[in-house]
C-alpha atoms as a PDB file:
ATOM      1  CA  MET A   1      18.231   2.824  12.779  1.00  0.00           C
ATOM      2  CA  ALA A   2      16.152   3.502   9.685  1.00  0.00           C
ATOM      3  CA  LYS A   3      16.678   6.814   7.914  1.00  0.00           C
ATOM      4  CA  LEU A   4      14.996   8.815   5.164  1.00  0.00           C
ATOM      5  CA  ILE A   5      17.026   9.714   2.117  1.00  0.00           C
ATOM      6  CA  ASN A   6      16.248  12.142  -0.703  1.00  0.00           C
ATOM      7  CA  PHE A   7      16.855  11.263  -4.338  1.00  0.00           C
ATOM      8  CA  ILE A   8      18.113  13.546  -7.083  1.00  0.00           C
ATOM      9  CA  THR A   9      15.069  14.648  -9.054  1.00  0.00           C
ATOM     10  CA  PHE A  10      14.966  16.626 -12.280  1.00  0.00           C
ATOM     11  CA  LYS A  11      11.722  18.535 -12.885  1.00  0.00           C
ATOM     12  CA  ASP A  12      10.532  20.596 -15.809  1.00  0.00           C
ATOM     13  CA  ALA A  13       7.303  21.272 -17.699  1.00  0.00           C
ATOM     14  CA  ARG A  14       7.281  17.693 -19.049  1.00  0.00           C
ATOM     15  CA  GLY A  15       7.321  16.077 -15.598  1.00  0.00           C
ATOM     16  CA  ALA A  16       9.881  14.644 -13.205  1.00  0.00           C
ATOM     17  CA  LEU A  17      12.692  12.097 -13.419  1.00  0.00           C
ATOM     18  CA  THR A  18      14.158  10.686 -10.200  1.00  0.00           C
ATOM     19  CA  VAL A  19      17.511   8.890 -10.005  1.00  0.00           C
ATOM     20  CA  ILE A  20      18.016   6.380  -7.183  1.00  0.00           C
ATOM     21  CA  GLU A  21      21.016   4.184  -8.001  1.00  0.00           C
ATOM     22  CA  LYS A  22      23.573   6.491  -6.350  1.00  0.00           C
ATOM     23  CA  ASN A  23      21.579   6.364  -3.095  1.00  0.00           C
ATOM     24  CA  VAL A  24      21.263   2.605  -2.680  1.00  0.00           C
ATOM     25  CA  PRO A  25      23.912   1.548  -0.102  1.00  0.00           C
ATOM     26  CA  PHE A  26      23.861  -2.125  -1.137  1.00  0.00           C
ATOM     27  CA  ASN A  27      23.790  -4.357  -4.199  1.00  0.00           C
ATOM     28  CA  ILE A  28      20.162  -4.993  -5.146  1.00  0.00           C
ATOM     29  CA  LYS A  29      19.301  -8.693  -5.106  1.00  0.00           C
ATOM     30  CA  ARG A  30      15.520  -8.517  -4.798  1.00  0.00           C
ATOM     31  CA  VAL A  31      12.844  -6.098  -6.011  1.00  0.00           C
ATOM     32  CA  PHE A  32       9.151  -6.229  -5.119  1.00  0.00           C
ATOM     33  CA  TYR A  33       6.228  -3.889  -4.721  1.00  0.00           C
ATOM     34  CA  ILE A  34       3.139  -3.786  -2.538  1.00  0.00           C
ATOM     35  CA  TYR A  35      -0.141  -2.367  -3.839  1.00  0.00           C
ATOM     36  CA  ASN A  36      -3.944  -2.586  -3.601  1.00  0.00           C
ATOM     37  CA  VAL A  37      -3.654  -2.691   0.198  1.00  0.00           C
ATOM     38  CA  ASP A  38      -6.888  -2.289   2.119  1.00  0.00           C
ATOM     39  CA  ASP A  39      -6.795  -0.993   5.709  1.00  0.00           C
ATOM     40  CA  SER A  40      -4.466  -3.845   6.711  1.00  0.00           C
ATOM     41  CA  LYS A  41      -1.081  -3.487   8.361  1.00  0.00           C
ATOM     42  CA  ARG A  42       1.787  -5.415   6.773  1.00  0.00           C
ATOM     43  CA  GLY A  43       5.235  -6.541   7.860  1.00  0.00           C
ATOM     44  CA  PHE A  44       5.749  -7.067  11.601  1.00  0.00           C
ATOM     45  CA  HIS A  45       9.257  -8.477  11.277  1.00  0.00           C
ATOM     46  CA  LYS A  46      12.934  -7.646  11.102  1.00  0.00           C
ATOM     47  CA  HIS A  47      15.759  -9.413   9.306  1.00  0.00           C
ATOM     48  CA  LYS A  48      19.005 -11.149  10.169  1.00  0.00           C
ATOM     49  CA  LYS A  49      20.874  -9.785   7.122  1.00  0.00           C
ATOM     50  CA  THR A  50      18.607  -7.950   4.696  1.00  0.00           C
ATOM     51  CA  ILE A  51      18.779  -4.182   4.228  1.00  0.00           C
ATOM     52  CA  GLN A  52      15.817  -2.632   2.419  1.00  0.00           C
ATOM     53  CA  LEU A  53      15.050   0.622   0.645  1.00  0.00           C
ATOM     54  CA  ALA A  54      11.314   1.446   0.541  1.00  0.00           C
ATOM     55  CA  ILE A  55       9.941   4.041  -1.895  1.00  0.00           C
ATOM     56  CA  SER A  56       6.306   5.092  -2.311  1.00  0.00           C
ATOM     57  CA  LEU A  57       5.993   5.423  -6.078  1.00  0.00           C
ATOM     58  CA  ASN A  58       2.369   6.514  -5.749  1.00  0.00           C
ATOM     59  CA  GLY A  59       0.224   7.427  -2.765  1.00  0.00           C
ATOM     60  CA  SER A  60       1.454   7.262   0.809  1.00  0.00           C
ATOM     61  CA  CYS A  61       1.910   4.978   3.785  1.00  0.00           C
ATOM     62  CA  ASP A  62       3.534   5.028   7.187  1.00  0.00           C
ATOM     63  CA  ILE A  63       6.387   2.719   8.094  1.00  0.00           C
ATOM     64  CA  VAL A  64       6.743   2.180  11.825  1.00  0.00           C
ATOM     65  CA  VAL A  65      10.287   1.238  12.865  1.00  0.00           C
ATOM     66  CA  ASP A  66      11.322  -0.017  16.308  1.00  0.00           C
ATOM     67  CA  ASN A  67      14.948  -1.027  16.911  1.00  0.00           C
ATOM     68  CA  GLY A  68      14.416  -1.778  20.605  1.00  0.00           C
ATOM     69  CA  LEU A  69      15.733   1.620  21.698  1.00  0.00           C
ATOM     70  CA  LYS A  70      13.595   3.944  19.606  1.00  0.00           C
ATOM     71  CA  LYS A  71      10.258   3.782  17.786  1.00  0.00           C
ATOM     72  CA  ILE A  72       9.779   6.171  14.869  1.00  0.00           C
ATOM     73  CA  ILE A  73       6.961   6.557  12.343  1.00  0.00           C
ATOM     74  CA  PHE A  74       8.178   7.526   8.869  1.00  0.00           C
ATOM     75  CA  GLN A  75       5.702   8.763   6.283  1.00  0.00           C
ATOM     76  CA  LEU A  76       6.510   7.866   2.693  1.00  0.00           C
ATOM     77  CA  ASP A  77       4.467  10.149   0.466  1.00  0.00           C
ATOM     78  CA  SER A  78       6.675  11.044  -2.474  1.00  0.00           C
ATOM     79  CA  PRO A  79       8.712   9.080  -5.031  1.00  0.00           C
ATOM     80  CA  ASP A  80      11.692  11.395  -4.526  1.00  0.00           C
ATOM     81  CA  LYS A  81      12.509  10.031  -1.073  1.00  0.00           C
ATOM     82  CA  GLY A  82      13.046   6.595   0.368  1.00  0.00           C
ATOM     83  CA  LEU A  83      13.506   4.836   3.685  1.00  0.00           C
ATOM     84  CA  ILE A  84      16.541   2.688   4.411  1.00  0.00           C
ATOM     85  CA  ILE A  85      15.473  -0.120   6.766  1.00  0.00           C
ATOM     86  CA  GLU A  86      18.355  -1.842   8.569  1.00  0.00           C
ATOM     87  CA  PRO A  87      18.224  -5.551   9.504  1.00  0.00           C
ATOM     88  CA  ASP A  88      17.667  -4.786  13.225  1.00  0.00           C
ATOM     89  CA  ASP A  89      14.718  -2.494  12.477  1.00  0.00           C
ATOM     90  CA  TYR A  90      11.518  -4.307  13.440  1.00  0.00           C
ATOM     91  CA  HIS A  91       9.002  -2.685  11.095  1.00  0.00           C
ATOM     92  CA  TRP A  92       5.507  -2.663   9.703  1.00  0.00           C
ATOM     93  CA  MET A  93       3.564  -0.621   7.168  1.00  0.00           C
ATOM     94  CA  GLU A  94       0.178   0.966   7.812  1.00  0.00           C
ATOM     95  CA  ASN A  95      -2.145   3.781   6.740  1.00  0.00           C
ATOM     96  CA  PHE A  96      -1.907   3.031   3.011  1.00  0.00           C
ATOM     97  CA  SER A  97      -3.735   5.654   0.972  1.00  0.00           C
ATOM     98  CA  LYS A  98      -5.819   4.496  -1.970  1.00  0.00           C
ATOM     99  CA  GLY A  99      -3.595   3.794  -4.983  1.00  0.00           C
ATOM    100  CA  THR A 100      -0.348   3.429  -3.047  1.00  0.00           C
ATOM    101  CA  VAL A 101       2.434   1.507  -4.761  1.00  0.00           C
ATOM    102  CA  LEU A 102       5.322   0.788  -2.360  1.00  0.00           C
ATOM    103  CA  LEU A 103       8.524  -0.337  -4.103  1.00  0.00           C
ATOM    104  CA  VAL A 104      11.075  -2.243  -2.002  1.00  0.00           C
ATOM    105  CA  LEU A 105      14.675  -2.932  -3.018  1.00  0.00           C
ATOM    106  CA  ALA A 106      16.485  -5.527  -0.902  1.00  0.00           C
ATOM    107  CA  SER A 107      20.110  -6.542  -0.364  1.00  0.00           C
ATOM    108  CA  GLN A 108      19.303 -10.265  -0.197  1.00  0.00           C
ATOM    109  CA  GLU A 109      17.190 -12.680  -2.183  1.00  0.00           C
ATOM    110  CA  TYR A 110      14.106 -13.984  -0.405  1.00  0.00           C
ATOM    111  CA  ASP A 111      15.006 -16.393   2.388  1.00  0.00           C
ATOM    112  CA  PRO A 112      12.340 -17.323   4.962  1.00  0.00           C
ATOM    113  CA  ASP A 113      15.108 -18.020   7.498  1.00  0.00           C
ATOM    114  CA  ASP A 114      16.189 -14.343   7.311  1.00  0.00           C
ATOM    115  CA  TYR A 115      12.918 -13.155   8.893  1.00  0.00           C
ATOM    116  CA  ILE A 116      12.528 -12.629  12.642  1.00  0.00           C
ATOM    117  CA  TYR A 117       8.951 -12.252  13.852  1.00  0.00           C
ATOM    118  CA  GLN A 118       8.185 -10.842  17.284  1.00  0.00           C
ATOM    119  CA  ASN A 119       5.045 -10.369  19.309  1.00  0.00           C
ATOM    120  CA  HIS A 120       4.310  -6.649  19.150  1.00  0.00           C
END
């Protein structure tokens, strides 16, 4: 099941610096980001192999995760935390605030055959 993780963040009068590499439980093979989202919902799939780490670099959004046993809504609203999304986690993103930039790190390169879409 998906889980939130907190990143080490150093803050002082000059700003903040967040370190993520020690928290990524996989080798990163794909990086993408989602932005300028209107009131649409995105996603609605799970994966056969891919593990993802989602981080809201700016703004906020909800990620709804349903693994067949449990459905949880995670709010990503800070760049010092991220959401690990396991392959069996059917998920979608919604409630994007204006200016949200959602960064996603993935364990696999893009492969359309890795996606499983369900009627939800």
